Amino acid sequence: MGVIYILLTISIIVAIVFFISFIISVRNGQYDDVYTPSVRMLFDDELIKETKEKSSGSNTTKQS
């Protein structure tokens, strides 16, 4: 029965250590997304072209 208490105590201590290290890494910016902005840059032109086509299409209907 004593072994269960020892293992339970050790597992709680390990869980607390992992939780504290997770909090520290989040505060230090370890999980900041640095990949998406670089990929988003490649697709910005397509979004701008689509909005220009929509706005130019609406401008031609207004001018007619």
N, C-alpha and C. Protein backbone atom coordinates (compact mmCIF):
# COMPACT_ATOMS: atom_id res chain seq x y z
N MET A 1 0.82 -1.19 0.00
CA MET A 1 0.00 0.00 0.00
C MET A 1 0.86 1.26 0.00
N GLY A 2 2.01 1.17 0.65
CA GLY A 2 2.92 2.30 0.71
C GLY A 2 3.48 2.66 -0.65
N VAL A 3 3.66 1.64 -1.50
CA VAL A 3 4.20 1.87 -2.84
C VAL A 3 3.24 2.73 -3.67
N ILE A 4 1.95 2.53 -3.49
CA ILE A 4 0.96 3.32 -4.23
C ILE A 4 1.08 4.79 -3.87
N TYR A 5 1.26 5.08 -2.59
CA TYR A 5 1.40 6.47 -2.16
C TYR A 5 2.68 7.10 -2.72
N ILE A 6 3.75 6.33 -2.74
CA ILE A 6 5.01 6.84 -3.29
C ILE A 6 4.87 7.10 -4.79
N LEU A 7 4.28 6.17 -5.52
CA LEU A 7 4.11 6.35 -6.97
C LEU A 7 3.16 7.50 -7.28
N LEU A 8 2.12 7.63 -6.49
CA LEU A 8 1.18 8.73 -6.67
C LEU A 8 1.85 10.08 -6.42
N THR A 9 2.65 10.14 -5.39
CA THR A 9 3.37 11.38 -5.08
C THR A 9 4.36 11.72 -6.18
N ILE A 10 5.11 10.74 -6.67
CA ILE A 10 6.08 10.97 -7.74
C ILE A 10 5.37 11.41 -9.02
N SER A 11 4.25 10.78 -9.35
CA SER A 11 3.54 11.15 -10.58
C SER A 11 2.96 12.56 -10.48
N ILE A 12 2.50 12.96 -9.32
CA ILE A 12 1.99 14.32 -9.15
C ILE A 12 3.13 15.33 -9.27
N ILE A 13 4.29 15.01 -8.70
CA ILE A 13 5.45 15.90 -8.81
C ILE A 13 5.88 16.04 -10.26
N VAL A 14 5.92 14.94 -11.00
CA VAL A 14 6.30 14.98 -12.42
C VAL A 14 5.28 15.80 -13.21
N ALA A 15 4.00 15.63 -12.93
CA ALA A 15 2.97 16.40 -13.63
C ALA A 15 3.11 17.88 -13.34
N ILE A 16 3.42 18.25 -12.11
CA ILE A 16 3.60 19.66 -11.76
C ILE A 16 4.83 20.23 -12.47
N VAL A 17 5.90 19.46 -12.55
CA VAL A 17 7.11 19.92 -13.25
C VAL A 17 6.81 20.15 -14.73
N PHE A 18 6.10 19.23 -15.37
CA PHE A 18 5.76 19.41 -16.78
C PHE A 18 4.82 20.59 -16.97
N PHE A 19 3.89 20.80 -16.07
CA PHE A 19 2.97 21.93 -16.18
C PHE A 19 3.72 23.25 -16.03
N ILE A 20 4.63 23.32 -15.09
CA ILE A 20 5.42 24.55 -14.90
C ILE A 20 6.31 24.81 -16.11
N SER A 21 6.92 23.77 -16.66
CA SER A 21 7.75 23.97 -17.85
C SER A 21 6.90 24.40 -19.05
N PHE A 22 5.67 23.91 -19.14
CA PHE A 22 4.77 24.33 -20.21
C PHE A 22 4.41 25.81 -20.07
N ILE A 23 4.08 26.23 -18.86
CA ILE A 23 3.75 27.64 -18.62
C ILE A 23 4.93 28.54 -18.95
N ILE A 24 6.13 28.14 -18.56
CA ILE A 24 7.32 28.93 -18.84
C ILE A 24 7.57 29.02 -20.35
N SER A 25 7.39 27.92 -21.05
CA SER A 25 7.63 27.94 -22.50
C SER A 25 6.59 28.78 -23.23
N VAL A 26 5.35 28.79 -22.75
CA VAL A 26 4.32 29.63 -23.37
C VAL A 26 4.63 31.10 -23.14
N ARG A 27 5.07 31.44 -21.95
CA ARG A 27 5.43 32.84 -21.64
C ARG A 27 6.64 33.31 -22.44
N ASN A 28 7.55 32.40 -22.76
CA ASN A 28 8.73 32.77 -23.53
C ASN A 28 8.48 32.79 -25.03
N GLY A 29 7.28 32.43 -25.45
CA GLY A 29 6.94 32.48 -26.87
C GLY A 29 7.36 31.25 -27.65
N GLN A 30 7.53 30.14 -26.97
CA GLN A 30 7.96 28.92 -27.62
C GLN A 30 6.93 28.43 -28.65
N TYR A 31 5.66 28.69 -28.40
CA TYR A 31 4.62 28.18 -29.27
C TYR A 31 4.06 29.25 -30.21
N ASP A 32 4.78 30.35 -30.37
CA ASP A 32 4.36 31.35 -31.33
C ASP A 32 4.46 30.77 -32.74
N ASP A 33 3.49 31.09 -33.54
CA ASP A 33 3.44 30.53 -34.88
C ASP A 33 4.29 31.37 -35.82
N VAL A 34 5.41 30.82 -36.25
CA VAL A 34 6.28 31.55 -37.16
C VAL A 34 6.17 31.01 -38.58
N TYR A 35 5.48 29.91 -38.77
CA TYR A 35 5.36 29.33 -40.10
C TYR A 35 4.23 29.96 -40.91
N THR A 36 3.10 30.16 -40.30
CA THR A 36 1.93 30.67 -41.02
C THR A 36 2.15 32.04 -41.64
N PRO A 37 2.77 33.02 -40.96
CA PRO A 37 2.97 34.32 -41.62
C PRO A 37 3.81 34.22 -42.89
N SER A 38 4.79 33.33 -42.90
CA SER A 38 5.62 33.20 -44.10
C SER A 38 4.83 32.58 -45.24
N VAL A 39 3.92 31.68 -44.94
CA VAL A 39 3.11 31.07 -45.98
C VAL A 39 2.00 32.02 -46.40
N ARG A 40 1.45 32.77 -45.47
CA ARG A 40 0.39 33.72 -45.76
C ARG A 40 0.87 34.77 -46.76
N MET A 41 2.15 35.12 -46.67
CA MET A 41 2.72 36.09 -47.58
C MET A 41 2.61 35.62 -49.03
N LEU A 42 2.71 34.31 -49.25
CA LEU A 42 2.63 33.78 -50.60
C LEU A 42 1.22 33.85 -51.17
N PHE A 43 0.21 33.85 -50.33
CA PHE A 43 -1.16 33.82 -50.78
C PHE A 43 -1.83 35.19 -50.74
N ASP A 44 -1.15 36.21 -50.26
CA ASP A 44 -1.73 37.55 -50.18
C ASP A 44 -2.05 38.11 -51.56
N ASP A 45 -1.20 37.84 -52.55
CA ASP A 45 -1.44 38.35 -53.89
C ASP A 45 -2.73 37.82 -54.48
N GLU A 46 -3.01 36.55 -54.25
CA GLU A 46 -4.24 35.97 -54.78
C GLU A 46 -5.47 36.63 -54.15
N LEU A 47 -5.39 36.93 -52.86
CA LEU A 47 -6.51 37.58 -52.20
C LEU A 47 -6.71 38.99 -52.72
N ILE A 48 -5.62 39.70 -52.97
CA ILE A 48 -5.71 41.07 -53.50
C ILE A 48 -6.26 41.05 -54.91
N LYS A 49 -5.82 40.10 -55.74
CA LYS A 49 -6.33 40.00 -57.11
C LYS A 49 -7.82 39.72 -57.12
N GLU A 50 -8.27 38.83 -56.22
CA GLU A 50 -9.69 38.51 -56.18
C GLU A 50 -10.52 39.71 -55.78
N THR A 51 -10.05 40.47 -54.81
CA THR A 51 -10.82 41.64 -54.38
C THR A 51 -10.79 42.73 -55.45
N LYS A 52 -9.68 42.85 -56.18
CA LYS A 52 -9.62 43.84 -57.26
C LYS A 52 -10.55 43.45 -58.40
N GLU A 53 -10.61 42.15 -58.70
CA GLU A 53 -11.51 41.69 -59.76
C GLU A 53 -12.96 41.93 -59.38
N LYS A 54 -13.29 41.69 -58.14
CA LYS A 54 -14.65 41.93 -57.68
C LYS A 54 -14.98 43.41 -57.72
N SER A 55 -14.03 44.24 -57.28
CA SER A 55 -14.31 45.68 -57.27
C SER A 55 -14.30 46.24 -58.69
N SER A 56 -13.44 45.74 -59.57
CA SER A 56 -13.44 46.24 -60.94
C SER A 56 -14.68 45.76 -61.69
N GLY A 57 -15.16 44.57 -61.34
CA GLY A 57 -16.38 44.07 -61.95
C GLY A 57 -17.57 44.88 -61.53
N SER A 58 -17.58 45.33 -60.30
CA SER A 58 -18.70 46.16 -59.85
C SER A 58 -18.58 47.57 -60.41
N ASN A 59 -17.37 48.05 -60.68
CA ASN A 59 -17.18 49.37 -61.26
C ASN A 59 -17.63 49.41 -62.71
N THR A 60 -17.41 48.32 -63.44
CA THR A 60 -17.83 48.31 -64.85
C THR A 60 -19.35 48.28 -64.95
N THR A 61 -20.02 47.65 -64.02
CA THR A 61 -21.48 47.63 -64.07
C THR A 61 -22.03 49.00 -63.70
N LYS A 62 -21.35 49.74 -62.85
CA LYS A 62 -21.81 51.06 -62.47
C LYS A 62 -21.60 52.05 -63.61
N GLN A 63 -20.52 51.87 -64.39
CA GLN A 63 -20.22 52.81 -65.47
C GLN A 63 -21.11 52.59 -66.68
N SER A 64 -21.66 51.42 -66.87
CA SER A 64 -22.45 51.10 -68.05
C SER A 64 -23.74 51.82 -68.09
